Amino acid sequence: MPNRLHPLTGDHSDYDALLSMIGNATVVCIGEASHGTHEFYRERAKITKRLIEEKGFTIVAVEADWPDAYRVNRYVRAMSEDADAIEALDGFRSRFPTWMWRNADVLDFVGWLREHNDRSNVKTGFYGLDLYSLFSSIEAVIGYLEKVDPEGAERARRRYGCFDHFGDEAQSYGYATAFGIAKSCEDEVVHQLTELRRKAAELANRDGQIPPDEFFYAEQNARLVRNAEE
């Protein structure tokens, strides 16, 4: 049988065979045997860096909540007010498991990605694939509307206020509505998303001081609230 083992020596050439196998693939999935293990995170970062530098990949999509990861995305693209990578990862404090992404290996990678983007004409983004951060996405939608449409922000507060009885426990909301103990918030979140989309052009151009991706970010969070409610 051909040799399937490639020893890792710490040399830059460790993953040459893997990069060769990847060839011209446009999507590469990198797994792990356990969450939060230093060795896996370190080696995954090495592979990801080479994919970006040598294969031209421009999207890093991770198993993390959309709003927390998008804060990192803004930082690595020099579009945020975060002073450094530590601050950019601060969103991962709010919900278990914080150690999955707020750790030294990810911190190093985020710092590297910012430096890479600063010297590159083609920017690489950082995005979260998890779509159930109900309450942090509600905060993001309201926060955006407070900047561009205070009256709209107040309407959003009233609609999303449907969830107030459950604190930060989305699971409790699910149980209560499934068993008919509480009213579903489906209509409220759908109405909020519909209003945001209807006013898209107006909101996106209302204030030139707001980064151009702000409306996109808010709309995705409004969609996420709808998905999370469901």
C-alpha atoms as a PDB file:
ATOM      1  CA  MET A   1       0.000   0.000   0.000  1.00  0.00           C
ATOM      2  CA  PRO A   2       1.223   3.538  -0.652  1.00  0.00           C
ATOM      3  CA  ASN A   3       2.424   5.540   2.332  1.00  0.00           C
ATOM      4  CA  ARG A   4      -0.484   7.562   3.740  1.00  0.00           C
ATOM      5  CA  LEU A   5       1.412   9.087   6.665  1.00  0.00           C
ATOM      6  CA  HIS A   6       3.122  12.466   6.515  1.00  0.00           C
ATOM      7  CA  PRO A   7       5.110  13.397   9.627  1.00  0.00           C
ATOM      8  CA  LEU A   8       4.715  16.969  10.874  1.00  0.00           C
ATOM      9  CA  THR A   9       8.102  18.473  11.598  1.00  0.00           C
ATOM     10  CA  GLY A  10       7.110  22.111  12.002  1.00  0.00           C
ATOM     11  CA  ASP A  11       8.597  22.949   8.618  1.00  0.00           C
ATOM     12  CA  HIS A  12       6.682  25.072   6.108  1.00  0.00           C
ATOM     13  CA  SER A  13       6.572  22.086   3.755  1.00  0.00           C
ATOM     14  CA  ASP A  14       4.549  19.932   6.174  1.00  0.00           C
ATOM     15  CA  TYR A  15       1.348  20.406   4.194  1.00  0.00           C
ATOM     16  CA  ASP A  16       2.746  20.448   0.676  1.00  0.00           C
ATOM     17  CA  ALA A  17       1.118  17.089  -0.120  1.00  0.00           C
ATOM     18  CA  LEU A  18      -2.222  18.285   1.221  1.00  0.00           C
ATOM     19  CA  LEU A  19      -2.094  21.504  -0.805  1.00  0.00           C
ATOM     20  CA  SER A  20      -1.315  19.407  -3.864  1.00  0.00           C
ATOM     21  CA  MET A  21      -4.338  17.173  -3.223  1.00  0.00           C
ATOM     22  CA  ILE A  22      -6.568  20.224  -2.821  1.00  0.00           C
ATOM     23  CA  GLY A  23      -5.567  21.393  -6.270  1.00  0.00           C
ATOM     24  CA  ASN A  24      -8.122  23.841  -7.691  1.00  0.00           C
ATOM     25  CA  ALA A  25     -10.901  23.090  -5.202  1.00  0.00           C
ATOM     26  CA  THR A  26     -12.998  26.124  -4.300  1.00  0.00           C
ATOM     27  CA  VAL A  27     -14.260  24.779  -0.958  1.00  0.00           C
ATOM     28  CA  VAL A  28     -12.036  23.085   1.619  1.00  0.00           C
ATOM     29  CA  CYS A  29     -13.508  21.715   4.871  1.00  0.00           C
ATOM     30  CA  ILE A  30     -11.070  21.384   7.765  1.00  0.00           C
ATOM     31  CA  GLY A  31     -12.357  19.345  10.693  1.00  0.00           C
ATOM     32  CA  GLU A  32     -11.088  18.620  14.178  1.00  0.00           C
ATOM     33  CA  ALA A  33     -11.249  15.719  16.608  1.00  0.00           C
ATOM     34  CA  SER A  34     -12.186  17.894  19.584  1.00  0.00           C
ATOM     35  CA  HIS A  35     -13.233  21.479  20.203  1.00  0.00           C
ATOM     36  CA  GLY A  36     -10.673  23.763  21.763  1.00  0.00           C
ATOM     37  CA  THR A  37      -7.598  21.533  21.486  1.00  0.00           C
ATOM     38  CA  HIS A  38      -4.472  23.629  20.959  1.00  0.00           C
ATOM     39  CA  GLU A  39      -2.757  21.265  18.528  1.00  0.00           C
ATOM     40  CA  PHE A  40      -5.752  21.015  16.200  1.00  0.00           C
ATOM     41  CA  TYR A  41      -6.326  24.765  16.223  1.00  0.00           C
ATOM     42  CA  ARG A  42      -2.649  25.486  15.583  1.00  0.00           C
ATOM     43  CA  GLU A  43      -2.400  23.122  12.612  1.00  0.00           C
ATOM     44  CA  ARG A  44      -5.738  24.232  11.193  1.00  0.00           C
ATOM     45  CA  ALA A  45      -4.487  27.816  11.256  1.00  0.00           C
ATOM     46  CA  LYS A  46      -1.321  26.797   9.396  1.00  0.00           C
ATOM     47  CA  ILE A  47      -3.357  25.098   6.672  1.00  0.00           C
ATOM     48  CA  THR A  48      -5.769  28.027   6.429  1.00  0.00           C
ATOM     49  CA  LYS A  49      -2.942  30.536   6.051  1.00  0.00           C
ATOM     50  CA  ARG A  50      -1.484  28.562   3.157  1.00  0.00           C
ATOM     51  CA  LEU A  51      -4.915  28.288   1.505  1.00  0.00           C
ATOM     52  CA  ILE A  52      -5.228  32.060   1.656  1.00  0.00           C
ATOM     53  CA  GLU A  53      -1.699  32.880   0.549  1.00  0.00           C
ATOM     54  CA  GLU A  54      -1.131  30.165  -2.039  1.00  0.00           C
ATOM     55  CA  LYS A  55      -4.603  29.217  -3.251  1.00  0.00           C
ATOM     56  CA  GLY A  56      -6.299  32.608  -3.120  1.00  0.00           C
ATOM     57  CA  PHE A  57      -9.117  31.742  -0.690  1.00  0.00           C
ATOM     58  CA  THR A  58     -11.017  34.812   0.507  1.00  0.00           C
ATOM     59  CA  ILE A  59     -13.542  33.361   2.955  1.00  0.00           C
ATOM     60  CA  VAL A  60     -12.917  31.699   6.310  1.00  0.00           C
ATOM     61  CA  ALA A  61     -16.223  30.241   7.548  1.00  0.00           C
ATOM     62  CA  VAL A  62     -16.202  28.841  11.076  1.00  0.00           C
ATOM     63  CA  GLU A  63     -18.598  27.061  13.422  1.00  0.00           C
ATOM     64  CA  ALA A  64     -19.454  30.219  15.335  1.00  0.00           C
ATOM     65  CA  ASP A  65     -22.336  32.629  15.741  1.00  0.00           C
ATOM     66  CA  TRP A  66     -22.845  35.054  12.870  1.00  0.00           C
ATOM     67  CA  PRO A  67     -22.789  38.345  14.849  1.00  0.00           C
ATOM     68  CA  ASP A  68     -19.712  37.452  16.924  1.00  0.00           C
ATOM     69  CA  ALA A  69     -17.758  36.284  13.883  1.00  0.00           C
ATOM     70  CA  TYR A  70     -18.827  39.302  11.821  1.00  0.00           C
ATOM     71  CA  ARG A  71     -17.268  41.570  14.419  1.00  0.00           C
ATOM     72  CA  VAL A  72     -13.992  39.756  13.717  1.00  0.00           C
ATOM     73  CA  ASN A  73     -14.655  40.128   9.984  1.00  0.00           C
ATOM     74  CA  ARG A  74     -14.884  43.881  10.353  1.00  0.00           C
ATOM     75  CA  TYR A  75     -11.648  43.975  12.301  1.00  0.00           C
ATOM     76  CA  VAL A  76      -9.633  41.915   9.822  1.00  0.00           C
ATOM     77  CA  ARG A  77     -10.923  44.152   7.023  1.00  0.00           C
ATOM     78  CA  ALA A  78      -9.981  47.326   8.978  1.00  0.00           C
ATOM     79  CA  MET A  79     -13.642  48.379   9.098  1.00  0.00           C
ATOM     80  CA  SER A  80     -14.186  48.411  12.861  1.00  0.00           C
ATOM     81  CA  GLU A  81     -13.252  50.518  15.864  1.00  0.00           C
ATOM     82  CA  ASP A  82     -11.718  47.539  17.698  1.00  0.00           C
ATOM     83  CA  ALA A  83      -8.140  48.357  18.651  1.00  0.00           C
ATOM     84  CA  ASP A  84      -6.745  44.850  18.322  1.00  0.00           C
ATOM     85  CA  ALA A  85      -7.596  41.176  17.811  1.00  0.00           C
ATOM     86  CA  ILE A  86      -8.353  40.668  21.507  1.00  0.00           C
ATOM     87  CA  GLU A  87     -11.046  43.327  21.391  1.00  0.00           C
ATOM     88  CA  ALA A  88     -12.418  42.007  18.098  1.00  0.00           C
ATOM     89  CA  LEU A  89     -12.964  38.591  19.725  1.00  0.00           C
ATOM     90  CA  ASP A  90     -14.818  40.139  22.649  1.00  0.00           C
ATOM     91  CA  GLY A  91     -18.196  39.118  21.237  1.00  0.00           C
ATOM     92  CA  PHE A  92     -17.403  35.511  22.077  1.00  0.00           C
ATOM     93  CA  ARG A  93     -17.732  36.260  25.796  1.00  0.00           C
ATOM     94  CA  SER A  94     -21.516  36.253  25.711  1.00  0.00           C
ATOM     95  CA  ARG A  95     -22.424  32.617  25.178  1.00  0.00           C
ATOM     96  CA  PHE A  96     -21.009  29.125  25.790  1.00  0.00           C
ATOM     97  CA  PRO A  97     -18.587  27.925  24.666  1.00  0.00           C
ATOM     98  CA  THR A  98     -16.366  31.011  24.748  1.00  0.00           C
ATOM     99  CA  TRP A  99     -13.155  28.973  24.643  1.00  0.00           C
ATOM    100  CA  MET A 100     -13.932  27.596  21.193  1.00  0.00           C
ATOM    101  CA  TRP A 101     -12.989  30.884  19.553  1.00  0.00           C
ATOM    102  CA  ARG A 102     -11.707  33.176  22.287  1.00  0.00           C
ATOM    103  CA  ASN A 103      -8.358  31.416  22.687  1.00  0.00           C
ATOM    104  CA  ALA A 104      -4.688  32.037  21.938  1.00  0.00           C
ATOM    105  CA  ASP A 105      -4.559  30.165  18.630  1.00  0.00           C
ATOM    106  CA  VAL A 106      -7.532  32.022  17.167  1.00  0.00           C
ATOM    107  CA  LEU A 107      -6.164  35.291  18.540  1.00  0.00           C
ATOM    108  CA  ASP A 108      -2.897  34.706  16.681  1.00  0.00           C
ATOM    109  CA  PHE A 109      -4.733  33.794  13.479  1.00  0.00           C
ATOM    110  CA  VAL A 110      -6.993  36.860  13.609  1.00  0.00           C
ATOM    111  CA  GLY A 111      -3.943  39.078  14.113  1.00  0.00           C
ATOM    112  CA  TRP A 112      -2.235  37.412  11.168  1.00  0.00           C
ATOM    113  CA  LEU A 113      -5.325  37.794   8.959  1.00  0.00           C
ATOM    114  CA  ARG A 114      -5.522  41.510   9.723  1.00  0.00           C
ATOM    115  CA  GLU A 115      -1.866  41.936   8.773  1.00  0.00           C
ATOM    116  CA  HIS A 116      -2.394  39.889   5.608  1.00  0.00           C
ATOM    117  CA  ASN A 117      -5.380  42.003   4.578  1.00  0.00           C
ATOM    118  CA  ASP A 118      -3.534  45.248   5.338  1.00  0.00           C
ATOM    119  CA  ARG A 119      -0.878  44.391   2.767  1.00  0.00           C
ATOM    120  CA  SER A 120      -3.167  42.725   0.218  1.00  0.00           C
ATOM    121  CA  ASN A 121      -5.484  44.187  -2.408  1.00  0.00           C
ATOM    122  CA  VAL A 122      -7.795  41.171  -2.065  1.00  0.00           C
ATOM    123  CA  LYS A 123      -9.297  40.957   1.419  1.00  0.00           C
ATOM    124  CA  THR A 124     -10.188  37.714   3.176  1.00  0.00           C
ATOM    125  CA  GLY A 125     -13.273  37.688   5.396  1.00  0.00           C
ATOM    126  CA  PHE A 126     -14.169  35.797   8.577  1.00  0.00           C
ATOM    127  CA  TYR A 127     -17.766  34.551   8.941  1.00  0.00           C
ATOM    128  CA  GLY A 128     -19.825  32.461  11.351  1.00  0.00           C
ATOM    129  CA  LEU A 129     -21.988  29.611  10.072  1.00  0.00           C
ATOM    130  CA  ASP A 130     -24.136  29.159  13.196  1.00  0.00           C
ATOM    131  CA  LEU A 131     -27.571  30.728  12.780  1.00  0.00           C
ATOM    132  CA  TYR A 132     -29.260  30.638  16.160  1.00  0.00           C
ATOM    133  CA  SER A 133     -27.897  33.563  18.180  1.00  0.00           C
ATOM    134  CA  LEU A 134     -31.383  34.904  18.873  1.00  0.00           C
ATOM    135  CA  PHE A 135     -30.746  37.580  21.476  1.00  0.00           C
ATOM    136  CA  SER A 136     -27.405  38.958  20.273  1.00  0.00           C
ATOM    137  CA  SER A 137     -28.897  39.301  16.785  1.00  0.00           C
ATOM    138  CA  ILE A 138     -31.875  41.188  18.211  1.00  0.00           C
ATOM    139  CA  GLU A 139     -29.431  43.595  19.854  1.00  0.00           C
ATOM    140  CA  ALA A 140     -27.583  44.014  16.551  1.00  0.00           C
ATOM    141  CA  VAL A 141     -30.749  44.893  14.608  1.00  0.00           C
ATOM    142  CA  ILE A 142     -31.876  47.436  17.195  1.00  0.00           C
ATOM    143  CA  GLY A 143     -28.371  48.887  17.459  1.00  0.00           C
ATOM    144  CA  TYR A 144     -28.255  49.495  13.711  1.00  0.00           C
ATOM    145  CA  LEU A 145     -31.700  51.090  13.624  1.00  0.00           C
ATOM    146  CA  GLU A 146     -30.815  53.399  16.503  1.00  0.00           C
ATOM    147  CA  LYS A 147     -28.151  54.929  14.231  1.00  0.00           C
ATOM    148  CA  VAL A 148     -30.241  55.374  11.094  1.00  0.00           C
ATOM    149  CA  ASP A 149     -33.919  55.176  12.081  1.00  0.00           C
ATOM    150  CA  PRO A 150     -34.760  55.839  15.761  1.00  0.00           C
ATOM    151  CA  GLU A 151     -38.487  55.403  15.158  1.00  0.00           C
ATOM    152  CA  GLY A 152     -37.805  52.097  13.415  1.00  0.00           C
ATOM    153  CA  ALA A 153     -35.648  51.071  16.378  1.00  0.00           C
ATOM    154  CA  GLU A 154     -38.566  51.677  18.710  1.00  0.00           C
ATOM    155  CA  ARG A 155     -40.853  49.546  16.537  1.00  0.00           C
ATOM    156  CA  ALA A 156     -38.219  46.790  16.550  1.00  0.00           C
ATOM    157  CA  ARG A 157     -38.019  46.960  20.358  1.00  0.00           C
ATOM    158  CA  ARG A 158     -41.763  46.504  20.635  1.00  0.00           C
ATOM    159  CA  ARG A 159     -41.780  43.565  18.249  1.00  0.00           C
ATOM    160  CA  TYR A 160     -38.784  41.817  19.759  1.00  0.00           C
ATOM    161  CA  GLY A 161     -40.181  42.582  23.207  1.00  0.00           C
ATOM    162  CA  CYS A 162     -42.256  39.453  22.617  1.00  0.00           C
ATOM    163  CA  PHE A 163     -39.183  37.514  23.835  1.00  0.00           C
ATOM    164  CA  ASP A 164     -38.677  39.566  27.013  1.00  0.00           C
ATOM    165  CA  HIS A 165     -40.328  37.026  29.309  1.00  0.00           C
ATOM    166  CA  PHE A 166     -37.603  34.488  28.566  1.00  0.00           C
ATOM    167  CA  GLY A 167     -34.472  36.489  29.377  1.00  0.00           C
ATOM    168  CA  ASP A 168     -31.578  34.964  27.434  1.00  0.00           C
ATOM    169  CA  GLU A 169     -33.086  31.471  27.371  1.00  0.00           C
ATOM    170  CA  ALA A 170     -34.106  30.748  23.785  1.00  0.00           C
ATOM    171  CA  GLN A 171     -34.724  27.127  24.756  1.00  0.00           C
ATOM    172  CA  SER A 172     -37.327  28.220  27.322  1.00  0.00           C
ATOM    173  CA  TYR A 173     -39.132  30.150  24.590  1.00  0.00           C
ATOM    174  CA  GLY A 174     -39.141  27.031  22.433  1.00  0.00           C
ATOM    175  CA  TYR A 175     -40.613  24.872  25.178  1.00  0.00           C
ATOM    176  CA  ALA A 176     -43.241  27.437  26.153  1.00  0.00           C
ATOM    177  CA  THR A 177     -44.527  27.947  22.611  1.00  0.00           C
ATOM    178  CA  ALA A 178     -44.372  24.256  21.720  1.00  0.00           C
ATOM    179  CA  PHE A 179     -46.651  23.401  24.645  1.00  0.00           C
ATOM    180  CA  GLY A 180     -48.978  26.381  24.175  1.00  0.00           C
ATOM    181  CA  ILE A 181     -47.868  28.109  27.384  1.00  0.00           C
ATOM    182  CA  ALA A 182     -46.739  31.268  25.600  1.00  0.00           C
ATOM    183  CA  LYS A 183     -47.639  33.088  22.402  1.00  0.00           C
ATOM    184  CA  SER A 184     -45.397  32.580  19.384  1.00  0.00           C
ATOM    185  CA  CYS A 185     -43.309  35.568  18.284  1.00  0.00           C
ATOM    186  CA  GLU A 186     -43.272  34.453  14.651  1.00  0.00           C
ATOM    187  CA  ASP A 187     -45.433  37.294  13.323  1.00  0.00           C
ATOM    188  CA  GLU A 188     -43.318  39.922  15.076  1.00  0.00           C
ATOM    189  CA  VAL A 189     -39.975  38.712  13.715  1.00  0.00           C
ATOM    190  CA  VAL A 190     -41.374  38.289  10.189  1.00  0.00           C
ATOM    191  CA  HIS A 191     -42.837  41.811  10.259  1.00  0.00           C
ATOM    192  CA  GLN A 192     -39.515  43.225  11.420  1.00  0.00           C
ATOM    193  CA  LEU A 193     -37.566  41.504   8.662  1.00  0.00           C
ATOM    194  CA  THR A 194     -40.142  42.591   6.070  1.00  0.00           C
ATOM    195  CA  GLU A 195     -39.958  46.229   7.170  1.00  0.00           C
ATOM    196  CA  LEU A 196     -36.166  46.213   7.093  1.00  0.00           C
ATOM    197  CA  ARG A 197     -36.124  44.828   3.553  1.00  0.00           C
ATOM    198  CA  ARG A 198     -38.822  47.222   2.367  1.00  0.00           C
ATOM    199  CA  LYS A 199     -36.777  50.198   3.541  1.00  0.00           C
ATOM    200  CA  ALA A 200     -33.443  48.778   2.332  1.00  0.00           C
ATOM    201  CA  ALA A 201     -32.472  51.513  -0.124  1.00  0.00           C
ATOM    202  CA  GLU A 202     -33.572  54.306   2.177  1.00  0.00           C
ATOM    203  CA  LEU A 203     -31.696  52.956   5.196  1.00  0.00           C
ATOM    204  CA  ALA A 204     -28.544  51.976   3.344  1.00  0.00           C
ATOM    205  CA  ASN A 205     -28.118  55.537   2.039  1.00  0.00           C
ATOM    206  CA  ARG A 206     -29.376  57.485   5.044  1.00  0.00           C
ATOM    207  CA  ASP A 207     -26.022  58.196   6.673  1.00  0.00           C
ATOM    208  CA  GLY A 208     -22.769  58.225   4.745  1.00  0.00           C
ATOM    209  CA  GLN A 209     -20.789  57.961   7.980  1.00  0.00           C
ATOM    210  CA  ILE A 210     -21.966  54.384   8.554  1.00  0.00           C
ATOM    211  CA  PRO A 211     -19.834  51.622   6.984  1.00  0.00           C
ATOM    212  CA  PRO A 212     -21.388  50.292   3.752  1.00  0.00           C
ATOM    213  CA  ASP A 213     -21.820  46.785   5.159  1.00  0.00           C
ATOM    214  CA  GLU A 214     -23.970  47.948   8.095  1.00  0.00           C
ATOM    215  CA  PHE A 215     -27.310  47.372   6.393  1.00  0.00           C
ATOM    216  CA  PHE A 216     -26.188  43.967   5.119  1.00  0.00           C
ATOM    217  CA  TYR A 217     -25.149  43.015   8.656  1.00  0.00           C
ATOM    218  CA  ALA A 218     -28.458  44.199  10.126  1.00  0.00           C
ATOM    219  CA  GLU A 219     -30.532  42.384   7.509  1.00  0.00           C
ATOM    220  CA  GLN A 220     -28.653  39.129   8.083  1.00  0.00           C
ATOM    221  CA  ASN A 221     -29.266  39.447  11.812  1.00  0.00           C
ATOM    222  CA  ALA A 222     -32.972  40.079  11.232  1.00  0.00           C
ATOM    223  CA  ARG A 223     -33.070  36.923   9.085  1.00  0.00           C
ATOM    224  CA  LEU A 224     -31.210  35.078  11.816  1.00  0.00           C
ATOM    225  CA  VAL A 225     -33.788  36.140  14.433  1.00  0.00           C
ATOM    226  CA  ARG A 226     -36.501  34.741  12.188  1.00  0.00           C
ATOM    227  CA  ASN A 227     -34.600  31.479  11.737  1.00  0.00           C
ATOM    228  CA  ALA A 228     -33.808  31.220  15.444  1.00  0.00           C
ATOM    229  CA  GLU A 229     -37.458  31.776  16.380  1.00  0.00           C
ATOM    230  CA  GLU A 230     -38.490  28.978  14.054  1.00  0.00           C
END
